[in-house]
């Protein structure tokens, strides 16, 4: 099986597994990350095969839906890639990206070890900000039955992954605890440029949200 066939089979597999998911971690999130990662990879001259596989499989078993198990995704990805007879070096590379990709708290470093990892991480983070990022934040908040906003509950600076995993604050707090931080955490020049505008959009949205909350507009 050639690389193109492996990519297409993997896309079909992920679409079947995540299609119709309602928390914002669905097939279309994967599709957007995949498309963005391919575009960035072209600029960064990275290994497109690794980038595509990691982008497609990065949320195949997200820790948020697997009892906080940070290794669930890479295990599931490995099972799939082994079934397609992908070579071990590529599997290890993809699984390392999946293990390291997630934001794990404002005080936790999540640096990627390879150019391919940095690209996929950027693509995933770009989908967490801007208009789509806002929509996804509230979709996930509703899925987790969280309050939209509670001015009595202040955002937290999470210094460990455990602390971040166990956080259950209102969705608006998530903007301050993660989403507004992502612009400055982008790895590639391409992603940094895209992130600037999306970041401004979120800032404007939050200002409008707070103004309406306080009856100013």
C-alpha atoms as a PDB file:
ATOM      1  CA  UNK A   1       0.000   0.000   0.000  1.00  0.00           C
ATOM      2  CA  UNK A   2       1.460   3.369  -1.001  1.00  0.00           C
ATOM      3  CA  UNK A   3       1.455   6.510   1.142  1.00  0.00           C
ATOM      4  CA  UNK A   4      -1.517   8.082  -0.624  1.00  0.00           C
ATOM      5  CA  UNK A   5      -3.638   4.992   0.001  1.00  0.00           C
ATOM      6  CA  UNK A   6      -2.611   4.959   3.663  1.00  0.00           C
ATOM      7  CA  UNK A   7      -3.673   8.594   4.038  1.00  0.00           C
ATOM      8  CA  UNK A   8      -7.029   8.018   2.324  1.00  0.00           C
ATOM      9  CA  UNK A   9      -7.758   4.902   4.380  1.00  0.00           C
ATOM     10  CA  UNK A  10      -6.837   6.775   7.549  1.00  0.00           C
ATOM     11  CA  UNK A  11      -9.132   9.664   6.637  1.00  0.00           C
ATOM     12  CA  UNK A  12     -12.021   7.230   6.076  1.00  0.00           C
ATOM     13  CA  UNK A  13     -11.276   5.513   9.385  1.00  0.00           C
ATOM     14  CA  UNK A  14     -11.248   8.770  11.356  1.00  0.00           C
ATOM     15  CA  UNK A  15     -14.381  10.052   9.620  1.00  0.00           C
ATOM     16  CA  UNK A  16     -16.205   6.865  10.577  1.00  0.00           C
ATOM     17  CA  UNK A  17     -15.021   7.097  14.192  1.00  0.00           C
ATOM     18  CA  UNK A  18     -15.626  10.813  14.794  1.00  0.00           C
ATOM     19  CA  UNK A  19     -18.387  11.749  12.361  1.00  0.00           C
ATOM     20  CA  UNK A  20     -21.341  13.438  14.106  1.00  0.00           C
ATOM     21  CA  UNK A  21     -19.474  13.958  17.387  1.00  0.00           C
ATOM     22  CA  UNK A  22     -20.964  16.984  19.171  1.00  0.00           C
ATOM     23  CA  UNK A  23     -18.275  18.418  21.449  1.00  0.00           C
ATOM     24  CA  UNK A  24     -16.269  20.222  18.756  1.00  0.00           C
ATOM     25  CA  UNK A  25     -13.785  17.352  18.408  1.00  0.00           C
ATOM     26  CA  UNK A  26     -15.562  15.857  15.413  1.00  0.00           C
ATOM     27  CA  UNK A  27     -14.477  14.814  11.921  1.00  0.00           C
ATOM     28  CA  UNK A  28     -14.740  18.374  10.609  1.00  0.00           C
ATOM     29  CA  UNK A  29     -12.304  19.584  13.258  1.00  0.00           C
ATOM     30  CA  UNK A  30      -9.934  16.872  12.059  1.00  0.00           C
ATOM     31  CA  UNK A  31     -10.513  17.846   8.450  1.00  0.00           C
ATOM     32  CA  UNK A  32      -9.713  21.521   9.116  1.00  0.00           C
ATOM     33  CA  UNK A  33      -6.556  20.629  11.042  1.00  0.00           C
ATOM     34  CA  UNK A  34      -5.520  18.268   8.258  1.00  0.00           C
ATOM     35  CA  UNK A  35      -6.021  20.920   5.565  1.00  0.00           C
ATOM     36  CA  UNK A  36      -4.224  23.611   7.570  1.00  0.00           C
ATOM     37  CA  UNK A  37      -1.336  21.315   8.453  1.00  0.00           C
ATOM     38  CA  UNK A  38      -0.802  20.431   4.785  1.00  0.00           C
ATOM     39  CA  UNK A  39      -0.670  24.121   3.870  1.00  0.00           C
ATOM     40  CA  UNK A  40       1.821  24.927   6.631  1.00  0.00           C
ATOM     41  CA  UNK A  41       3.914  21.865   5.737  1.00  0.00           C
ATOM     42  CA  UNK A  42       4.299  23.166   2.199  1.00  0.00           C
ATOM     43  CA  UNK A  43       5.796  26.392   3.529  1.00  0.00           C
ATOM     44  CA  UNK A  44       7.944  24.675   6.135  1.00  0.00           C
ATOM     45  CA  UNK A  45       9.134  21.889   3.806  1.00  0.00           C
ATOM     46  CA  UNK A  46       8.313  19.126   6.280  1.00  0.00           C
ATOM     47  CA  UNK A  47       7.571  15.414   5.772  1.00  0.00           C
ATOM     48  CA  UNK A  48       4.016  15.604   4.455  1.00  0.00           C
ATOM     49  CA  UNK A  49       3.261  11.921   5.110  1.00  0.00           C
ATOM     50  CA  UNK A  50       4.007  12.269   8.827  1.00  0.00           C
ATOM     51  CA  UNK A  51       2.167  15.583   9.016  1.00  0.00           C
ATOM     52  CA  UNK A  52      -0.956  14.165   7.389  1.00  0.00           C
ATOM     53  CA  UNK A  53      -1.068  11.021   9.519  1.00  0.00           C
ATOM     54  CA  UNK A  54      -0.546  12.940  12.750  1.00  0.00           C
ATOM     55  CA  UNK A  55      -3.145  15.567  11.814  1.00  0.00           C
ATOM     56  CA  UNK A  56      -5.703  12.901  10.960  1.00  0.00           C
ATOM     57  CA  UNK A  57      -5.088  10.804  14.084  1.00  0.00           C
ATOM     58  CA  UNK A  58      -4.348  13.492  16.681  1.00  0.00           C
ATOM     59  CA  UNK A  59      -7.804  13.246  18.307  1.00  0.00           C
ATOM     60  CA  UNK A  60      -8.616   9.615  17.592  1.00  0.00           C
ATOM     61  CA  UNK A  61      -8.823   8.957  21.358  1.00  0.00           C
ATOM     62  CA  UNK A  62      -8.525  12.344  23.080  1.00  0.00           C
ATOM     63  CA  UNK A  63      -7.708  12.182  26.796  1.00  0.00           C
ATOM     64  CA  UNK A  64     -10.757  14.365  27.514  1.00  0.00           C
ATOM     65  CA  UNK A  65     -13.009  11.487  26.473  1.00  0.00           C
ATOM     66  CA  UNK A  66     -10.867   8.658  27.825  1.00  0.00           C
ATOM     67  CA  UNK A  67     -10.813   9.232  31.590  1.00  0.00           C
ATOM     68  CA  UNK A  68      -7.847  11.586  31.339  1.00  0.00           C
ATOM     69  CA  UNK A  69      -5.600   8.927  29.783  1.00  0.00           C
ATOM     70  CA  UNK A  70      -2.972  10.957  27.908  1.00  0.00           C
ATOM     71  CA  UNK A  71      -1.683   7.847  26.105  1.00  0.00           C
ATOM     72  CA  UNK A  72      -5.045   6.640  24.782  1.00  0.00           C
ATOM     73  CA  UNK A  73      -4.628   8.483  21.497  1.00  0.00           C
ATOM     74  CA  UNK A  74      -1.178   7.215  20.630  1.00  0.00           C
ATOM     75  CA  UNK A  75      -2.164   3.641  21.512  1.00  0.00           C
ATOM     76  CA  UNK A  76      -5.197   3.806  19.231  1.00  0.00           C
ATOM     77  CA  UNK A  77      -3.155   5.413  16.455  1.00  0.00           C
ATOM     78  CA  UNK A  78      -0.455   2.755  16.761  1.00  0.00           C
ATOM     79  CA  UNK A  79      -3.021  -0.045  16.448  1.00  0.00           C
ATOM     80  CA  UNK A  80      -4.371   1.499  13.278  1.00  0.00           C
ATOM     81  CA  UNK A  81      -1.017   2.229  11.672  1.00  0.00           C
ATOM     82  CA  UNK A  82       0.300  -1.261  12.463  1.00  0.00           C
ATOM     83  CA  UNK A  83      -2.781  -2.694  10.724  1.00  0.00           C
ATOM     84  CA  UNK A  84      -1.724  -0.778   7.596  1.00  0.00           C
ATOM     85  CA  UNK A  85       1.889  -2.008   7.845  1.00  0.00           C
ATOM     86  CA  UNK A  86       3.286   1.503   8.253  1.00  0.00           C
ATOM     87  CA  UNK A  87       6.970   1.344   9.119  1.00  0.00           C
ATOM     88  CA  UNK A  88       7.918   1.545  12.775  1.00  0.00           C
ATOM     89  CA  UNK A  89       9.900   4.782  12.519  1.00  0.00           C
ATOM     90  CA  UNK A  90       6.894   6.591  11.061  1.00  0.00           C
ATOM     91  CA  UNK A  91       4.587   5.102  13.685  1.00  0.00           C
ATOM     92  CA  UNK A  92       6.856   6.254  16.503  1.00  0.00           C
ATOM     93  CA  UNK A  93       7.043   9.746  15.027  1.00  0.00           C
ATOM     94  CA  UNK A  94       3.260  10.049  14.654  1.00  0.00           C
ATOM     95  CA  UNK A  95       2.625   8.675  18.147  1.00  0.00           C
ATOM     96  CA  UNK A  96       5.135  11.083  19.685  1.00  0.00           C
ATOM     97  CA  UNK A  97       3.316  13.989  18.059  1.00  0.00           C
ATOM     98  CA  UNK A  98      -0.034  12.751  19.380  1.00  0.00           C
ATOM     99  CA  UNK A  99       1.378  12.373  22.903  1.00  0.00           C
ATOM    100  CA  UNK A 100       2.834  15.883  22.910  1.00  0.00           C
ATOM    101  CA  UNK A 101       0.260  17.891  20.947  1.00  0.00           C
ATOM    102  CA  UNK A 102      -2.247  18.863  23.614  1.00  0.00           C
ATOM    103  CA  UNK A 103      -2.243  22.045  25.659  1.00  0.00           C
ATOM    104  CA  UNK A 104      -1.786  20.840  29.239  1.00  0.00           C
ATOM    105  CA  UNK A 105      -2.073  24.023  31.267  1.00  0.00           C
ATOM    106  CA  UNK A 106      -0.675  27.545  31.072  1.00  0.00           C
ATOM    107  CA  UNK A 107       2.275  26.625  33.266  1.00  0.00           C
ATOM    108  CA  UNK A 108       3.110  23.369  31.455  1.00  0.00           C
ATOM    109  CA  UNK A 109       5.557  23.330  28.556  1.00  0.00           C
ATOM    110  CA  UNK A 110       4.368  21.362  25.517  1.00  0.00           C
ATOM    111  CA  UNK A 111       7.253  21.855  23.106  1.00  0.00           C
ATOM    112  CA  UNK A 112       7.319  19.650  20.031  1.00  0.00           C
ATOM    113  CA  UNK A 113      10.472  17.741  19.151  1.00  0.00           C
ATOM    114  CA  UNK A 114      10.190  17.847  15.342  1.00  0.00           C
ATOM    115  CA  UNK A 115       9.143  20.209  12.559  1.00  0.00           C
ATOM    116  CA  UNK A 116       6.251  17.909  11.723  1.00  0.00           C
ATOM    117  CA  UNK A 117       5.047  18.017  15.321  1.00  0.00           C
ATOM    118  CA  UNK A 118       5.280  21.787  15.443  1.00  0.00           C
ATOM    119  CA  UNK A 119       3.204  22.063  12.281  1.00  0.00           C
ATOM    120  CA  UNK A 120       0.411  19.768  13.457  1.00  0.00           C
ATOM    121  CA  UNK A 121       0.352  21.438  16.865  1.00  0.00           C
ATOM    122  CA  UNK A 122      -0.006  24.835  15.184  1.00  0.00           C
ATOM    123  CA  UNK A 123      -2.813  23.606  12.942  1.00  0.00           C
ATOM    124  CA  UNK A 124      -4.667  22.164  15.932  1.00  0.00           C
ATOM    125  CA  UNK A 125      -4.224  25.355  17.933  1.00  0.00           C
ATOM    126  CA  UNK A 126      -5.390  27.544  15.063  1.00  0.00           C
ATOM    127  CA  UNK A 127      -8.669  25.624  15.068  1.00  0.00           C
ATOM    128  CA  UNK A 128      -9.068  26.477  18.767  1.00  0.00           C
ATOM    129  CA  UNK A 129      -9.090  30.243  18.186  1.00  0.00           C
ATOM    130  CA  UNK A 130     -11.049  32.734  16.091  1.00  0.00           C
ATOM    131  CA  UNK A 131     -14.724  32.304  15.177  1.00  0.00           C
ATOM    132  CA  UNK A 132     -14.549  28.520  14.973  1.00  0.00           C
ATOM    133  CA  UNK A 133     -12.575  28.373  18.203  1.00  0.00           C
ATOM    134  CA  UNK A 134     -15.299  30.325  19.985  1.00  0.00           C
ATOM    135  CA  UNK A 135     -17.970  27.975  18.627  1.00  0.00           C
ATOM    136  CA  UNK A 136     -15.963  24.926  19.647  1.00  0.00           C
ATOM    137  CA  UNK A 137     -15.371  26.291  23.144  1.00  0.00           C
ATOM    138  CA  UNK A 138     -19.087  26.661  23.788  1.00  0.00           C
ATOM    139  CA  UNK A 139     -19.890  23.320  22.153  1.00  0.00           C
ATOM    140  CA  UNK A 140     -17.467  21.608  24.524  1.00  0.00           C
ATOM    141  CA  UNK A 141     -18.710  23.618  27.492  1.00  0.00           C
ATOM    142  CA  UNK A 142     -22.272  22.504  26.762  1.00  0.00           C
ATOM    143  CA  UNK A 143     -21.119  18.918  26.341  1.00  0.00           C
ATOM    144  CA  UNK A 144     -19.505  19.119  29.802  1.00  0.00           C
ATOM    145  CA  UNK A 145     -22.540  20.952  31.297  1.00  0.00           C
ATOM    146  CA  UNK A 146     -20.453  23.960  32.276  1.00  0.00           C
ATOM    147  CA  UNK A 147     -21.754  27.443  32.972  1.00  0.00           C
ATOM    148  CA  UNK A 148     -21.295  30.004  30.205  1.00  0.00           C
ATOM    149  CA  UNK A 149     -19.885  32.532  32.647  1.00  0.00           C
ATOM    150  CA  UNK A 150     -19.839  33.124  36.357  1.00  0.00           C
ATOM    151  CA  UNK A 151     -18.139  36.351  37.493  1.00  0.00           C
ATOM    152  CA  UNK A 152     -17.682  34.832  40.946  1.00  0.00           C
ATOM    153  CA  UNK A 153     -15.402  32.105  39.546  1.00  0.00           C
ATOM    154  CA  UNK A 154     -12.081  33.525  38.388  1.00  0.00           C
ATOM    155  CA  UNK A 155      -9.799  32.004  35.730  1.00  0.00           C
ATOM    156  CA  UNK A 156      -6.911  29.884  37.025  1.00  0.00           C
ATOM    157  CA  UNK A 157      -3.289  29.540  35.943  1.00  0.00           C
ATOM    158  CA  UNK A 158      -2.809  25.761  35.830  1.00  0.00           C
ATOM    159  CA  UNK A 159       0.707  24.675  36.765  1.00  0.00           C
ATOM    160  CA  UNK A 160       0.238  20.956  36.109  1.00  0.00           C
ATOM    161  CA  UNK A 161      -1.596  18.725  33.668  1.00  0.00           C
ATOM    162  CA  UNK A 162      -3.537  17.161  36.534  1.00  0.00           C
ATOM    163  CA  UNK A 163      -4.744  20.573  37.637  1.00  0.00           C
ATOM    164  CA  UNK A 164      -5.746  21.455  34.082  1.00  0.00           C
ATOM    165  CA  UNK A 165      -7.535  18.118  33.538  1.00  0.00           C
ATOM    166  CA  UNK A 166      -9.567  18.547  36.711  1.00  0.00           C
ATOM    167  CA  UNK A 167     -10.610  22.123  35.989  1.00  0.00           C
ATOM    168  CA  UNK A 168     -14.360  22.568  35.587  1.00  0.00           C
ATOM    169  CA  UNK A 169     -14.727  26.340  35.339  1.00  0.00           C
ATOM    170  CA  UNK A 170     -17.147  28.280  33.121  1.00  0.00           C
ATOM    171  CA  UNK A 171     -16.503  28.370  29.388  1.00  0.00           C
ATOM    172  CA  UNK A 172     -15.548  32.056  29.389  1.00  0.00           C
ATOM    173  CA  UNK A 173     -12.743  31.231  31.825  1.00  0.00           C
ATOM    174  CA  UNK A 174     -11.338  28.849  29.203  1.00  0.00           C
ATOM    175  CA  UNK A 175     -10.572  31.814  26.962  1.00  0.00           C
ATOM    176  CA  UNK A 176      -8.268  33.264  29.617  1.00  0.00           C
ATOM    177  CA  UNK A 177      -6.860  29.920  30.738  1.00  0.00           C
ATOM    178  CA  UNK A 178      -6.000  28.692  27.227  1.00  0.00           C
ATOM    179  CA  UNK A 179      -7.393  30.274  24.068  1.00  0.00           C
ATOM    180  CA  UNK A 180      -5.973  33.768  24.497  1.00  0.00           C
ATOM    181  CA  UNK A 181      -2.561  32.250  25.243  1.00  0.00           C
ATOM    182  CA  UNK A 182      -2.287  30.282  22.016  1.00  0.00           C
ATOM    183  CA  UNK A 183      -1.258  33.160  19.752  1.00  0.00           C
ATOM    184  CA  UNK A 184       2.078  33.435  21.530  1.00  0.00           C
ATOM    185  CA  UNK A 185       2.584  29.668  21.545  1.00  0.00           C
ATOM    186  CA  UNK A 186       2.520  29.161  17.775  1.00  0.00           C
ATOM    187  CA  UNK A 187       5.648  27.516  16.404  1.00  0.00           C
ATOM    188  CA  UNK A 188       5.773  28.491  12.734  1.00  0.00           C
ATOM    189  CA  UNK A 189       5.797  31.870  11.059  1.00  0.00           C
ATOM    190  CA  UNK A 190       2.797  30.898   8.937  1.00  0.00           C
ATOM    191  CA  UNK A 191       0.690  30.021  11.971  1.00  0.00           C
ATOM    192  CA  UNK A 192       1.752  33.156  13.842  1.00  0.00           C
ATOM    193  CA  UNK A 193       0.414  35.343  11.030  1.00  0.00           C
ATOM    194  CA  UNK A 194      -2.925  33.525  10.913  1.00  0.00           C
ATOM    195  CA  UNK A 195      -3.217  33.575  14.697  1.00  0.00           C
ATOM    196  CA  UNK A 196      -2.931  37.369  14.957  1.00  0.00           C
ATOM    197  CA  UNK A 197      -6.271  38.057  13.289  1.00  0.00           C
ATOM    198  CA  UNK A 198      -8.069  35.187  14.996  1.00  0.00           C
ATOM    199  CA  UNK A 199      -6.783  36.392  18.363  1.00  0.00           C
ATOM    200  CA  UNK A 200      -8.125  39.893  17.742  1.00  0.00           C
ATOM    201  CA  UNK A 201     -11.495  38.450  16.829  1.00  0.00           C
ATOM    202  CA  UNK A 202     -11.665  36.650  20.178  1.00  0.00           C
ATOM    203  CA  UNK A 203     -10.682  39.773  22.074  1.00  0.00           C
ATOM    204  CA  UNK A 204     -13.437  41.741  20.342  1.00  0.00           C
ATOM    205  CA  UNK A 205     -15.925  38.976  21.035  1.00  0.00           C
ATOM    206  CA  UNK A 206     -15.078  38.885  24.731  1.00  0.00           C
ATOM    207  CA  UNK A 207     -15.380  42.654  25.041  1.00  0.00           C
ATOM    208  CA  UNK A 208     -18.837  42.464  23.468  1.00  0.00           C
ATOM    209  CA  UNK A 209     -19.769  39.544  25.747  1.00  0.00           C
ATOM    210  CA  UNK A 210     -18.772  41.460  28.886  1.00  0.00           C
ATOM    211  CA  UNK A 211     -20.529  44.623  27.677  1.00  0.00           C
ATOM    212  CA  UNK A 212     -23.773  42.739  27.073  1.00  0.00           C
ATOM    213  CA  UNK A 213     -23.403  40.895  30.374  1.00  0.00           C
ATOM    214  CA  UNK A 214     -23.187  44.231  32.184  1.00  0.00           C
ATOM    215  CA  UNK A 215     -25.985  45.776  30.095  1.00  0.00           C
ATOM    216  CA  UNK A 216     -23.706  48.292  28.363  1.00  0.00           C
ATOM    217  CA  UNK A 217     -24.817  47.345  24.857  1.00  0.00           C
END
